[in-house]
Amino acid sequence: MPAIVGAVQVISVGSSGVFNIGDVYKIMPVSSAKTFSGAGSFNTGENLTLYNNQSSTNTFDQDSIDQGNNFNA
């Protein structure tokens, strides 16, 4: 159903974001990321006590190509 839209101001749209005004059948934003983090990096909560003695994160990736986003529906 058509709509009348007033003034719109878009400051920023991210690299995998979608901005749409009007009728649309399907919107499929796609993104991928590889995250490396050390021990205890994603812990959340109160009063955490972490003991990471000599912790290291291995960022070596022996294959040159990772799985892509092709044909994601």
N, C-alpha and C. Protein backbone atom coordinates (compact mmCIF):
# COMPACT_ATOMS: atom_id res chain seq x y z
N MET A 1 0.85 -1.16 0.00
CA MET A 1 0.00 0.00 0.00
C MET A 1 0.90 1.24 0.00
N PRO A 2 0.71 2.13 -0.95
CA PRO A 2 1.55 3.33 -1.03
C PRO A 2 1.36 4.23 0.18
N ALA A 3 2.43 4.94 0.51
CA ALA A 3 2.40 5.85 1.64
C ALA A 3 3.05 7.17 1.24
N ILE A 4 2.66 8.22 1.93
CA ILE A 4 3.27 9.53 1.72
C ILE A 4 4.26 9.75 2.85
N VAL A 5 5.51 9.98 2.48
CA VAL A 5 6.58 10.14 3.46
C VAL A 5 7.04 11.58 3.43
N GLY A 6 7.19 12.16 4.61
CA GLY A 6 7.67 13.53 4.72
C GLY A 6 9.17 13.60 4.57
N ALA A 7 9.75 14.64 5.13
CA ALA A 7 11.19 14.86 5.03
C ALA A 7 11.95 13.76 5.78
N VAL A 8 13.01 13.28 5.17
CA VAL A 8 13.85 12.24 5.76
C VAL A 8 15.30 12.70 5.68
N GLN A 9 16.01 12.56 6.79
CA GLN A 9 17.44 12.89 6.80
C GLN A 9 18.21 11.66 7.25
N VAL A 10 19.09 11.18 6.40
CA VAL A 10 19.92 10.02 6.72
C VAL A 10 21.34 10.50 6.94
N ILE A 11 21.85 10.31 8.14
CA ILE A 11 23.21 10.73 8.45
C ILE A 11 24.22 9.68 8.01
N SER A 12 23.93 8.42 8.31
CA SER A 12 24.89 7.37 8.00
C SER A 12 24.17 6.03 7.87
N VAL A 13 24.65 5.20 6.95
CA VAL A 13 24.19 3.83 6.81
C VAL A 13 25.43 2.96 6.81
N GLY A 14 25.45 1.95 7.67
CA GLY A 14 26.63 1.09 7.79
C GLY A 14 26.90 0.29 6.53
N SER A 15 28.04 -0.40 6.52
CA SER A 15 28.45 -1.14 5.33
C SER A 15 27.51 -2.29 5.00
N SER A 16 26.83 -2.86 5.98
CA SER A 16 25.89 -3.93 5.69
C SER A 16 24.46 -3.52 6.02
N GLY A 17 24.22 -2.23 6.15
CA GLY A 17 22.90 -1.73 6.48
C GLY A 17 22.05 -1.49 5.25
N VAL A 18 20.75 -1.38 5.47
CA VAL A 18 19.81 -1.13 4.38
C VAL A 18 18.89 0.00 4.80
N PHE A 19 18.69 0.98 3.92
CA PHE A 19 17.73 2.06 4.15
C PHE A 19 16.71 2.00 3.03
N ASN A 20 15.44 1.90 3.40
CA ASN A 20 14.40 1.76 2.38
C ASN A 20 13.22 2.65 2.74
N ILE A 21 12.69 3.32 1.71
CA ILE A 21 11.43 4.05 1.83
C ILE A 21 10.56 3.56 0.68
N GLY A 22 9.40 3.03 1.01
CA GLY A 22 8.50 2.56 -0.03
C GLY A 22 8.22 1.08 0.08
N ASP A 23 7.53 0.57 -0.92
CA ASP A 23 7.16 -0.84 -0.93
C ASP A 23 8.39 -1.69 -1.25
N VAL A 24 8.49 -2.83 -0.58
CA VAL A 24 9.61 -3.72 -0.82
C VAL A 24 9.15 -5.15 -0.57
N TYR A 25 9.68 -6.08 -1.35
CA TYR A 25 9.33 -7.49 -1.19
C TYR A 25 10.27 -8.18 -0.20
N LYS A 26 11.56 -7.99 -0.38
CA LYS A 26 12.54 -8.68 0.47
C LYS A 26 13.79 -7.82 0.59
N ILE A 27 14.29 -7.68 1.82
CA ILE A 27 15.55 -6.99 2.07
C ILE A 27 16.46 -7.96 2.80
N MET A 28 17.65 -8.20 2.25
CA MET A 28 18.57 -9.15 2.85
C MET A 28 19.98 -8.55 2.97
N PRO A 29 20.26 -7.82 4.05
CA PRO A 29 21.63 -7.35 4.22
C PRO A 29 22.55 -8.52 4.59
N VAL A 30 23.76 -8.51 4.07
CA VAL A 30 24.70 -9.60 4.30
C VAL A 30 26.03 -9.03 4.74
N SER A 31 26.59 -9.61 5.78
CA SER A 31 27.94 -9.20 6.20
C SER A 31 28.63 -10.39 6.83
N SER A 32 29.93 -10.30 6.92
CA SER A 32 30.71 -11.35 7.59
C SER A 32 31.88 -10.70 8.30
N ALA A 33 32.36 -11.37 9.33
CA ALA A 33 33.48 -10.84 10.10
C ALA A 33 34.25 -11.99 10.73
N LYS A 34 35.53 -11.77 10.92
CA LYS A 34 36.35 -12.73 11.63
C LYS A 34 36.91 -12.02 12.86
N THR A 35 36.69 -12.59 14.02
CA THR A 35 37.08 -11.95 15.27
C THR A 35 38.10 -12.80 16.00
N PHE A 36 39.20 -12.18 16.37
CA PHE A 36 40.20 -12.82 17.21
C PHE A 36 40.17 -12.13 18.57
N SER A 37 40.15 -12.90 19.64
CA SER A 37 40.17 -12.30 20.96
C SER A 37 40.88 -13.25 21.93
N GLY A 38 41.44 -12.68 22.95
CA GLY A 38 42.18 -13.46 23.93
C GLY A 38 41.27 -14.09 24.97
N ALA A 39 41.88 -14.81 25.88
CA ALA A 39 41.14 -15.50 26.93
C ALA A 39 40.44 -14.48 27.82
N GLY A 40 39.16 -14.70 28.08
CA GLY A 40 38.39 -13.82 28.94
C GLY A 40 37.93 -12.54 28.30
N SER A 41 38.02 -12.41 26.98
CA SER A 41 37.68 -11.15 26.32
C SER A 41 36.19 -10.85 26.32
N PHE A 42 35.35 -11.85 26.19
CA PHE A 42 33.91 -11.62 26.06
C PHE A 42 33.15 -11.93 27.34
N ASN A 43 33.83 -11.96 28.46
CA ASN A 43 33.14 -12.20 29.73
C ASN A 43 32.35 -10.96 30.12
N THR A 44 31.14 -11.17 30.61
CA THR A 44 30.32 -10.07 31.10
C THR A 44 29.79 -10.43 32.48
N GLY A 45 29.50 -9.43 33.25
CA GLY A 45 28.95 -9.67 34.58
C GLY A 45 29.65 -8.81 35.61
N GLU A 46 29.30 -9.01 36.85
CA GLU A 46 29.86 -8.23 37.94
C GLU A 46 30.83 -9.10 38.74
N ASN A 47 31.86 -8.47 39.27
CA ASN A 47 32.84 -9.12 40.15
C ASN A 47 33.51 -10.32 39.51
N LEU A 48 33.99 -10.16 38.28
CA LEU A 48 34.71 -11.24 37.61
C LEU A 48 36.16 -11.25 38.08
N THR A 49 36.69 -12.42 38.26
CA THR A 49 38.10 -12.58 38.58
C THR A 49 38.70 -13.52 37.54
N LEU A 50 39.66 -13.03 36.78
CA LEU A 50 40.26 -13.81 35.71
C LEU A 50 41.74 -13.99 35.99
N TYR A 51 42.23 -15.18 35.76
CA TYR A 51 43.66 -15.47 35.87
C TYR A 51 44.10 -16.08 34.53
N ASN A 52 44.67 -15.24 33.69
CA ASN A 52 45.14 -15.67 32.37
C ASN A 52 46.65 -15.53 32.34
N ASN A 53 47.33 -16.46 32.89
CA ASN A 53 48.79 -16.40 32.93
C ASN A 53 49.37 -16.79 31.58
N GLN A 54 50.13 -15.90 31.01
CA GLN A 54 50.80 -16.09 29.72
C GLN A 54 49.82 -16.53 28.64
N SER A 55 48.72 -15.86 28.52
CA SER A 55 47.72 -16.17 27.51
C SER A 55 48.12 -15.53 26.19
N SER A 56 47.91 -16.23 25.09
CA SER A 56 48.17 -15.66 23.77
C SER A 56 47.07 -16.11 22.82
N THR A 57 46.81 -15.31 21.82
CA THR A 57 45.78 -15.62 20.82
C THR A 57 46.47 -15.92 19.50
N ASN A 58 46.18 -17.08 18.94
CA ASN A 58 46.76 -17.48 17.67
C ASN A 58 45.91 -16.92 16.54
N THR A 59 46.45 -15.99 15.78
CA THR A 59 45.72 -15.38 14.66
C THR A 59 46.16 -15.92 13.32
N PHE A 60 47.00 -16.94 13.31
CA PHE A 60 47.46 -17.54 12.06
C PHE A 60 46.35 -18.37 11.45
N ASP A 61 46.00 -18.09 10.20
CA ASP A 61 44.96 -18.83 9.48
C ASP A 61 45.61 -19.45 8.26
N GLN A 62 45.79 -20.77 8.27
CA GLN A 62 46.56 -21.42 7.22
C GLN A 62 45.83 -21.49 5.88
N ASP A 63 44.50 -21.46 5.88
CA ASP A 63 43.81 -21.41 4.60
C ASP A 63 43.63 -19.96 4.20
N SER A 64 43.74 -19.69 2.91
CA SER A 64 43.70 -18.30 2.46
C SER A 64 42.29 -17.79 2.21
N ILE A 65 41.33 -18.69 2.05
CA ILE A 65 39.96 -18.27 1.74
C ILE A 65 39.01 -18.90 2.75
N ASP A 66 38.17 -18.07 3.35
CA ASP A 66 37.15 -18.56 4.27
C ASP A 66 35.82 -18.70 3.54
N GLN A 67 34.83 -19.26 4.23
CA GLN A 67 33.52 -19.44 3.63
C GLN A 67 32.90 -18.09 3.33
N GLY A 68 32.34 -17.94 2.15
CA GLY A 68 31.77 -16.67 1.71
C GLY A 68 30.29 -16.54 2.06
N ASN A 69 29.71 -15.43 1.62
CA ASN A 69 28.29 -15.15 1.84
C ASN A 69 27.46 -15.46 0.61
N ASN A 70 28.00 -16.16 -0.35
CA ASN A 70 27.28 -16.41 -1.59
C ASN A 70 26.04 -17.26 -1.36
N PHE A 71 24.99 -16.93 -2.01
CA PHE A 71 23.73 -17.68 -2.02
C PHE A 71 23.07 -17.76 -0.65
N ASN A 72 23.31 -16.80 0.22
CA ASN A 72 22.59 -16.74 1.50
C ASN A 72 21.21 -16.16 1.23
N ALA A 73 20.20 -16.87 1.63
CA ALA A 73 18.84 -16.38 1.41
C ALA A 73 18.02 -16.55 2.64
